[in-house]
Amino acid sequence: MMVNKYIEDINLPDFGYDLSNKKEILDLFLQEEYGYLPPLPNIFKWDATEENKVYLRGSATYKKIIMTVGLNGRECSFPVISVIPNTNQKVPFFVFANFRDAVPDRYYPTEEIIDRGYGVLSFCYQDVTKDNDDFTDGLAGVVYPNGRQEPTDGGKISLWAWVMCRILDYAQDQEELDITKATAIGHSRLGKTALLAGAVDDRFYCTISNDSGCSGAAITRGKRGETIKDIYTNFPYWFCENYGKYMNNEDKLPFEQNMFLSLIAPRLLYVASAQEDIWADPQAEYASCVMASSAYKAMGIDGLVGKDTFPQADEHFHKGNIGYHIRKGTHYLSRYDWNMFMDFLDKK
C-alpha cells in the first residue's frame, strides 16, 4: 500500500499550528496527553555504592549509583547502573529506561553495546515509581504529596521521563561521557517515555522509540490495534486526566502523534517496529515518521529517507535524520534492534 494514500485516507484535519513553534506544540501535548513534568529538584545528589573497573573482562567500568532527588520538602532515591567502556576518549552513551534492573538483561545486551564503543546509564522504571495508580509511591509521592489535583498533572510517563533528564544532569558531570552524544531509549511504554524525554530536553542528541505504538510514535487516527480507549482504560495513570476525554473520541484530538515526533527536529530520531506487533501498528508508526519529516524539511534537512510503500520485515532506513527499521517478530527489544540503532548512530 502507498503511504501517501494511507495518510490521505485518514483525512487529518488542518490543526493550524506552526510546527516551528515548538513551545506551543509541546505545551499542547503536556496539557492534553502526558501532563506536565515536575520542576527541577531542590535537591539532587548521588553516590556510587558499587564499582568494578574491570567489568566485562576489563573492557568497561561498572558503577551502581544511588540518586536522590528532593521536591516539596520530601526526598526519594533510586539506583542507576552505569556501564562505560574503558577508553581514553569521551564516550557516546544511552540513557536507557528498562523494565528490570538486571545488567545484562534480555532487553539489554550489555557486552555487545560496550564492544561497539557505547556506554549505558540504565534504570528500572519501577524503582522510580511503581507502574500503578499509586501516586504516594517513590517519586510520585515526592511530586504529589497530596495526590494529583489538576487534570494536567503529569502521569507516570512524565515522571519516568523526568528521571531520564536528571540522569542527563548527572552525565554532564562525568568527564568520561560525551554529553553531546546522549541518546534517550526505551521500549513499549518506556519508548513513549523516551520520546517525551527527548521532546522536553534538547540535550538529547538522539531519541529512540522501540515499539511504542499508541500514544507514542504511532499516529492515532486510523490506527489498528490499541486505541486511546484501550490504553486509558487499562493505564490511566500513565497520562494526565485530560487524555481520558479522547476515548472513542479521537477525532477531537487537537494534535496527532507525528507532531509529537516533530518536536525532536532537527535532532536525530529513530523509530523501530516489529512486523507482528499489530497492537502497536507498524504502519501507523511508519506513517508518523513520514509526516514528521515535514518539520525536518522545513529546517532544510532530511527527515525520513524511506520509501513510498510500507516497508517489509528487515528493511531499514538510515540516511536521514529520522531512522527507521521493521524486523520480523513480536513486541520485544532485541539485539537486532540495538545493532540497528548503533549502525544508525555510527553514521552520524
Protein backbone atom coordinates (compact mmCIF):
# COMPACT_ATOMS: atom_id res chain seq x y z
CA MET A 1 0.00 0.00 0.00
CA MET A 2 1.17 3.53 -0.78
CA VAL A 3 1.95 5.50 2.36
CA ASN A 4 0.59 8.77 0.98
CA LYS A 5 -2.73 7.08 0.13
CA TYR A 6 -2.90 5.72 3.68
CA ILE A 7 -2.30 9.22 5.09
CA GLU A 8 -4.83 10.73 2.70
CA ASP A 9 -7.49 8.20 3.75
CA ILE A 10 -7.03 9.13 7.41
CA ASN A 11 -8.12 12.65 6.43
CA LEU A 12 -6.24 14.50 9.13
CA PRO A 13 -7.64 17.94 9.96
CA ASP A 14 -5.57 21.07 9.46
CA PHE A 15 -4.70 21.82 13.06
CA GLY A 16 -3.38 25.24 12.07
CA TYR A 17 -0.30 25.07 14.27
CA ASP A 18 3.06 26.41 13.21
CA LEU A 19 5.30 23.34 13.63
CA SER A 20 8.27 25.65 14.11
CA ASN A 21 6.66 26.90 17.34
CA LYS A 22 7.84 24.00 19.47
CA LYS A 23 6.82 25.56 22.77
CA GLU A 24 3.19 25.78 21.68
CA ILE A 25 3.14 22.20 20.36
CA LEU A 26 4.89 20.77 23.42
CA ASP A 27 2.53 22.63 25.75
CA LEU A 28 -0.42 21.13 23.90
CA PHE A 29 0.85 17.57 24.42
CA LEU A 30 1.62 18.22 28.09
CA GLN A 31 -1.82 19.71 28.72
CA GLU A 32 -3.83 17.09 26.86
CA GLU A 33 -1.87 13.81 26.90
CA TYR A 34 1.11 13.28 29.19
CA GLY A 35 0.73 16.00 31.79
CA TYR A 36 3.36 18.46 32.96
CA LEU A 37 6.70 17.21 34.23
CA PRO A 38 7.92 18.24 37.69
CA PRO A 39 10.13 21.32 38.09
CA LEU A 40 13.86 21.00 38.64
CA PRO A 41 14.60 19.40 42.01
CA ASN A 42 15.63 21.42 45.05
CA ILE A 43 17.94 18.56 45.98
CA PHE A 44 19.90 16.40 43.56
CA LYS A 45 22.79 14.24 44.72
CA TRP A 46 24.31 10.87 44.00
CA ASP A 47 26.65 8.32 45.49
CA ALA A 48 28.41 5.37 43.83
CA THR A 49 27.79 2.38 46.10
CA GLU A 50 29.46 -0.24 43.87
CA GLU A 51 32.29 0.00 41.34
CA ASN A 52 34.10 -2.56 39.20
CA LYS A 53 36.77 -1.11 36.91
CA VAL A 54 37.47 -4.45 35.22
CA TYR A 55 33.91 -5.35 34.31
CA LEU A 56 33.28 -7.44 31.17
CA ARG A 57 36.83 -8.87 31.02
CA GLY A 58 38.25 -5.42 31.78
CA SER A 59 36.61 -3.63 28.86
CA ALA A 60 34.30 -1.47 30.96
CA THR A 61 33.70 0.16 34.33
CA TYR A 62 30.52 -0.77 36.19
CA LYS A 63 29.01 1.52 38.81
CA LYS A 64 25.84 1.34 40.84
CA ILE A 65 24.79 4.89 41.66
CA ILE A 66 22.10 5.87 44.14
CA MET A 67 20.49 9.12 43.01
CA THR A 68 18.46 11.24 45.42
CA VAL A 69 16.06 13.99 44.36
CA GLY A 70 14.09 16.35 46.53
CA LEU A 71 10.99 18.49 45.99
CA ASN A 72 8.32 19.91 48.29
CA GLY A 73 10.45 19.12 51.34
CA ARG A 74 10.48 15.41 50.50
CA GLU A 75 13.13 13.12 49.02
CA CYS A 76 13.32 9.80 47.24
CA SER A 77 16.21 7.70 45.97
CA PHE A 78 16.60 5.20 43.14
CA PRO A 79 19.50 3.22 41.63
CA VAL A 80 21.09 3.87 38.24
CA ILE A 81 23.59 1.45 36.71
CA SER A 82 26.47 2.94 34.70
CA VAL A 83 28.46 0.72 32.34
CA ILE A 84 31.06 2.71 30.39
CA PRO A 85 33.81 1.44 28.06
CA ASN A 86 37.35 1.85 29.37
CA THR A 87 38.89 4.23 26.87
CA ASN A 88 40.85 7.47 26.76
CA GLN A 89 38.18 9.13 24.62
CA LYS A 90 34.83 10.61 25.62
CA VAL A 91 32.12 8.02 25.14
CA PRO A 92 28.71 8.38 23.43
CA PHE A 93 26.04 6.87 25.65
CA PHE A 94 22.44 5.79 26.08
CA VAL A 95 20.09 6.78 28.88
CA PHE A 96 18.02 3.61 28.99
CA ALA A 97 14.69 3.23 30.78
CA ASN A 98 14.29 -0.52 31.30
CA PHE A 99 11.70 -2.87 32.78
CA ARG A 100 14.18 -4.60 35.07
CA ASP A 101 17.34 -3.71 36.95
CA ALA A 102 19.41 -6.64 35.61
CA VAL A 103 22.67 -5.90 33.76
CA PRO A 104 22.83 -7.50 31.28
CA ASP A 105 19.15 -8.12 30.62
CA ARG A 106 17.07 -9.71 27.90
CA TYR A 107 16.35 -6.19 26.61
CA TYR A 108 19.92 -5.01 27.21
CA PRO A 109 22.89 -6.87 25.62
CA THR A 110 25.45 -5.01 27.68
CA GLU A 111 28.67 -6.53 26.36
CA GLU A 112 27.74 -6.08 22.71
CA ILE A 113 26.92 -2.41 23.31
CA ILE A 114 30.20 -1.84 25.14
CA ASP A 115 32.15 -3.61 22.38
CA ARG A 116 30.71 -1.11 19.90
CA GLY A 117 32.00 1.82 21.94
CA TYR A 118 28.82 2.99 23.64
CA GLY A 119 28.12 3.46 27.32
CA VAL A 120 24.77 2.97 29.06
CA LEU A 121 23.17 4.61 32.08
CA SER A 122 20.17 2.38 32.84
CA PHE A 123 17.45 2.34 35.45
CA CYS A 124 14.45 0.17 36.27
CA TYR A 125 11.38 2.34 35.90
CA GLN A 126 9.59 0.75 38.87
CA ASP A 127 12.49 1.74 41.14
CA VAL A 128 11.45 5.35 40.47
CA THR A 129 7.71 4.96 40.97
CA LYS A 130 5.55 1.87 40.62
CA ASP A 131 3.66 1.14 37.41
CA ASN A 132 0.24 1.53 39.01
CA ASP A 133 -2.24 4.17 40.16
CA ASP A 134 -0.48 4.73 43.50
CA PHE A 135 0.74 8.32 43.48
CA THR A 136 2.13 8.10 47.03
CA ASP A 137 4.93 5.78 45.89
CA GLY A 138 8.53 6.88 45.25
CA LEU A 139 8.91 9.96 43.06
CA ALA A 140 5.14 10.26 42.66
CA GLY A 141 4.81 10.78 46.42
CA VAL A 142 7.51 13.44 46.34
CA VAL A 143 5.94 15.35 43.43
CA TYR A 144 2.33 14.91 44.59
CA PRO A 145 2.33 14.77 48.41
CA ASN A 146 -1.45 15.33 48.35
CA GLY A 147 -2.10 13.23 45.25
CA ARG A 148 -2.72 14.58 41.78
CA GLN A 149 -5.02 17.59 41.89
CA GLU A 150 -5.23 19.03 38.39
CA PRO A 151 -6.31 17.46 35.06
CA THR A 152 -2.93 18.48 33.60
CA ASP A 153 -0.81 16.89 36.36
CA GLY A 154 1.76 14.54 34.86
CA GLY A 155 1.23 10.79 34.92
CA LYS A 156 3.82 8.10 35.45
CA ILE A 157 5.27 8.50 31.93
CA SER A 158 6.05 12.13 32.74
CA LEU A 159 7.76 11.10 35.99
CA TRP A 160 9.89 8.44 34.30
CA ALA A 161 10.83 10.91 31.53
CA TRP A 162 11.81 13.49 34.16
CA VAL A 163 14.23 10.96 35.66
CA MET A 164 15.84 10.42 32.24
CA CYS A 165 16.55 14.16 32.19
CA ARG A 166 18.00 14.04 35.71
CA ILE A 167 20.31 11.21 34.65
CA LEU A 168 21.50 13.51 31.89
CA ASP A 169 22.25 16.12 34.57
CA TYR A 170 24.44 13.52 36.27
CA ALA A 171 26.11 12.63 32.96
CA GLN A 172 27.13 16.24 32.40
CA ASP A 173 29.35 15.92 35.47
CA GLN A 174 31.13 12.77 34.26
CA GLU A 175 34.23 13.61 32.26
CA GLU A 176 34.34 10.23 30.51
CA LEU A 177 30.94 10.80 28.85
CA ASP A 178 30.36 12.80 25.66
CA ILE A 179 27.34 14.89 26.66
CA THR A 180 26.90 15.97 23.03
CA LYS A 181 26.19 12.34 22.06
CA ALA A 182 23.50 11.32 24.57
CA THR A 183 20.62 9.12 23.37
CA ALA A 184 17.31 8.51 25.15
CA ILE A 185 15.99 4.99 24.56
CA GLY A 186 13.08 2.87 25.71
CA HIS A 187 10.74 0.08 24.62
CA SER A 188 6.92 -0.01 24.63
CA ARG A 189 5.59 2.29 27.41
CA LEU A 190 9.20 3.26 28.03
CA GLY A 191 9.52 4.07 24.31
CA LYS A 192 6.77 6.64 24.93
CA THR A 193 8.80 7.78 27.94
CA ALA A 194 11.97 8.21 25.86
CA LEU A 195 10.06 10.24 23.26
CA LEU A 196 8.77 12.57 25.96
CA ALA A 197 12.25 12.96 27.45
CA GLY A 198 13.64 13.79 24.01
CA ALA A 199 10.81 16.25 23.36
CA VAL A 200 11.33 18.23 26.56
CA ASP A 201 15.14 18.09 26.76
CA ASP A 202 17.11 19.13 23.70
CA ARG A 203 20.36 17.93 25.28
CA PHE A 204 19.43 14.51 23.92
CA TYR A 205 21.29 14.19 20.63
CA CYS A 206 19.10 11.28 19.58
CA THR A 207 15.81 9.79 20.78
CA ILE A 208 14.91 6.14 20.16
CA SER A 209 11.43 4.67 20.42
CA ASN A 210 11.09 0.89 20.11
CA ASP A 211 7.56 -0.47 19.55
CA SER A 212 5.98 2.50 21.36
CA GLY A 213 2.72 2.35 19.40
CA CYS A 214 -0.41 4.05 20.72
CA SER A 215 0.27 7.39 22.45
CA GLY A 216 3.90 7.03 21.34
CA ALA A 217 5.28 7.01 17.80
CA ALA A 218 2.10 5.77 16.06
CA ILE A 219 -0.48 8.15 14.68
CA THR A 220 -3.82 7.72 16.44
CA ARG A 221 -6.46 8.27 13.75
CA GLY A 222 -7.00 5.17 11.62
CA LYS A 223 -4.66 3.08 13.79
CA ARG A 224 -5.02 -0.69 14.08
CA GLY A 225 -4.68 -2.46 17.42
CA GLU A 226 -4.54 -0.42 20.62
CA THR A 227 -6.70 2.70 20.85
CA ILE A 228 -6.89 5.57 23.34
CA LYS A 229 -9.85 3.82 24.99
CA ASP A 230 -7.79 0.63 25.38
CA ILE A 231 -4.73 2.32 26.81
CA TYR A 232 -6.52 4.85 29.02
CA THR A 233 -8.92 2.25 30.41
CA ASN A 234 -6.04 -0.01 31.44
CA PHE A 235 -3.35 2.58 32.26
CA PRO A 236 -4.96 5.96 33.02
CA TYR A 237 -2.14 6.74 35.46
CA TRP A 238 0.41 6.87 32.64
CA PHE A 239 -1.20 10.06 31.36
CA CYS A 240 -2.84 13.24 32.60
CA GLU A 241 -6.56 13.18 33.36
CA ASN A 242 -7.32 15.31 30.29
CA TYR A 243 -6.35 12.47 27.96
CA GLY A 244 -9.40 10.49 29.00
CA LYS A 245 -11.59 12.97 27.09
CA TYR A 246 -10.45 11.39 23.84
CA MET A 247 -11.57 7.80 24.47
CA ASN A 248 -13.77 6.87 21.50
CA ASN A 249 -13.30 10.50 20.54
CA GLU A 250 -10.02 10.54 18.59
CA ASP A 251 -11.36 12.96 16.00
CA LYS A 252 -11.47 15.63 18.72
CA LEU A 253 -7.75 15.32 19.42
CA PRO A 254 -6.19 18.75 18.82
CA PHE A 255 -3.00 17.08 17.53
CA GLU A 256 -1.53 13.93 16.03
CA GLN A 257 1.47 11.93 17.22
CA ASN A 258 3.56 12.92 14.19
CA MET A 259 3.54 16.41 15.71
CA PHE A 260 5.00 14.89 18.87
CA LEU A 261 7.81 13.31 16.84
CA SER A 262 8.41 16.66 15.12
CA LEU A 263 9.41 18.14 18.49
CA ILE A 264 12.67 16.19 18.18
CA ALA A 265 13.69 18.07 15.00
CA PRO A 266 16.37 18.91 13.97
CA ARG A 267 17.97 16.34 16.29
CA LEU A 268 18.14 12.64 15.49
CA LEU A 269 15.08 10.44 15.91
CA TYR A 270 14.76 6.68 15.49
CA VAL A 271 11.53 4.67 15.43
CA ALA A 272 11.61 0.87 15.36
CA SER A 273 8.71 -1.51 14.66
CA ALA A 274 8.08 -5.27 14.71
CA GLN A 275 6.16 -6.93 11.88
CA GLU A 276 3.82 -8.94 14.09
CA ASP A 277 3.23 -6.16 16.62
CA ILE A 278 -0.18 -5.11 15.28
CA TRP A 279 -1.20 -3.82 18.72
CA ALA A 280 1.44 -1.10 18.26
CA ASP A 281 0.76 -0.98 14.48
CA PRO A 282 3.94 -0.66 12.38
CA GLN A 283 2.05 1.08 9.57
CA ALA A 284 0.90 3.84 11.92
CA GLU A 285 4.45 4.21 13.28
CA TYR A 286 5.99 4.44 9.81
CA ALA A 287 3.34 6.88 8.56
CA SER A 288 4.02 9.06 11.59
CA CYS A 289 7.71 9.23 10.66
CA VAL A 290 6.79 10.18 7.08
CA MET A 291 4.58 13.01 8.33
CA ALA A 292 7.08 14.17 10.96
CA SER A 293 9.64 14.59 8.18
CA SER A 294 7.95 17.83 7.12
CA ALA A 295 9.32 19.50 10.25
CA TYR A 296 12.85 18.45 9.27
CA LYS A 297 12.36 19.56 5.67
CA ALA A 298 11.21 22.97 6.91
CA MET A 299 14.62 23.26 8.57
CA GLY A 300 16.39 22.36 5.33
CA ILE A 301 17.41 18.83 6.36
CA ASP A 302 16.20 15.32 5.61
CA GLY A 303 13.83 13.58 7.95
CA LEU A 304 13.00 10.01 6.93
CA VAL A 305 14.64 8.94 3.68
CA GLY A 306 12.44 5.90 3.17
CA LYS A 307 10.08 4.59 0.51
CA ASP A 308 6.60 5.35 -0.80
CA THR A 309 5.20 1.96 0.18
CA PHE A 310 5.17 0.45 3.65
CA PRO A 311 8.43 -1.42 4.29
CA GLN A 312 8.65 -5.17 4.75
CA ALA A 313 10.38 -7.02 7.58
CA ASP A 314 14.13 -6.42 7.91
CA GLU A 315 14.08 -3.21 5.87
CA HIS A 316 15.80 -0.22 7.40
CA PHE A 317 16.38 3.45 6.50
CA HIS A 318 19.41 5.19 7.98
CA LYS A 319 20.22 8.01 5.54
CA GLY A 320 18.14 10.83 7.00
CA ASN A 321 17.84 12.37 10.45
CA ILE A 322 14.89 10.07 11.18
CA GLY A 323 15.95 6.44 11.24
CA TYR A 324 13.53 3.54 10.95
CA HIS A 325 13.52 -0.23 10.77
CA ILE A 326 10.98 -3.02 10.94
CA ARG A 327 12.06 -6.52 11.87
CA LYS A 328 10.45 -9.92 11.95
CA GLY A 329 8.79 -10.97 15.18
CA THR A 330 6.75 -9.57 18.00
CA HIS A 331 6.78 -6.85 20.68
CA TYR A 332 10.35 -7.00 22.01
CA LEU A 333 13.62 -5.09 22.30
CA SER A 334 16.21 -7.37 20.71
CA ARG A 335 19.91 -7.45 19.92
CA TYR A 336 18.92 -6.89 16.31
CA ASP A 337 17.22 -3.64 17.33
CA TRP A 338 20.20 -2.44 19.38
CA ASN A 339 22.57 -3.14 16.49
CA MET A 340 20.33 -1.22 14.10
CA PHE A 341 20.32 1.75 16.48
CA MET A 342 24.11 1.71 16.77
CA ASP A 343 24.54 1.30 13.00
CA PHE A 344 22.47 4.47 12.57
CA LEU A 345 24.40 6.41 15.22
CA ASP A 346 27.76 5.25 13.84
CA LYS A 347 26.95 7.04 10.57
CA LYS A 348 26.08 10.36 12.19
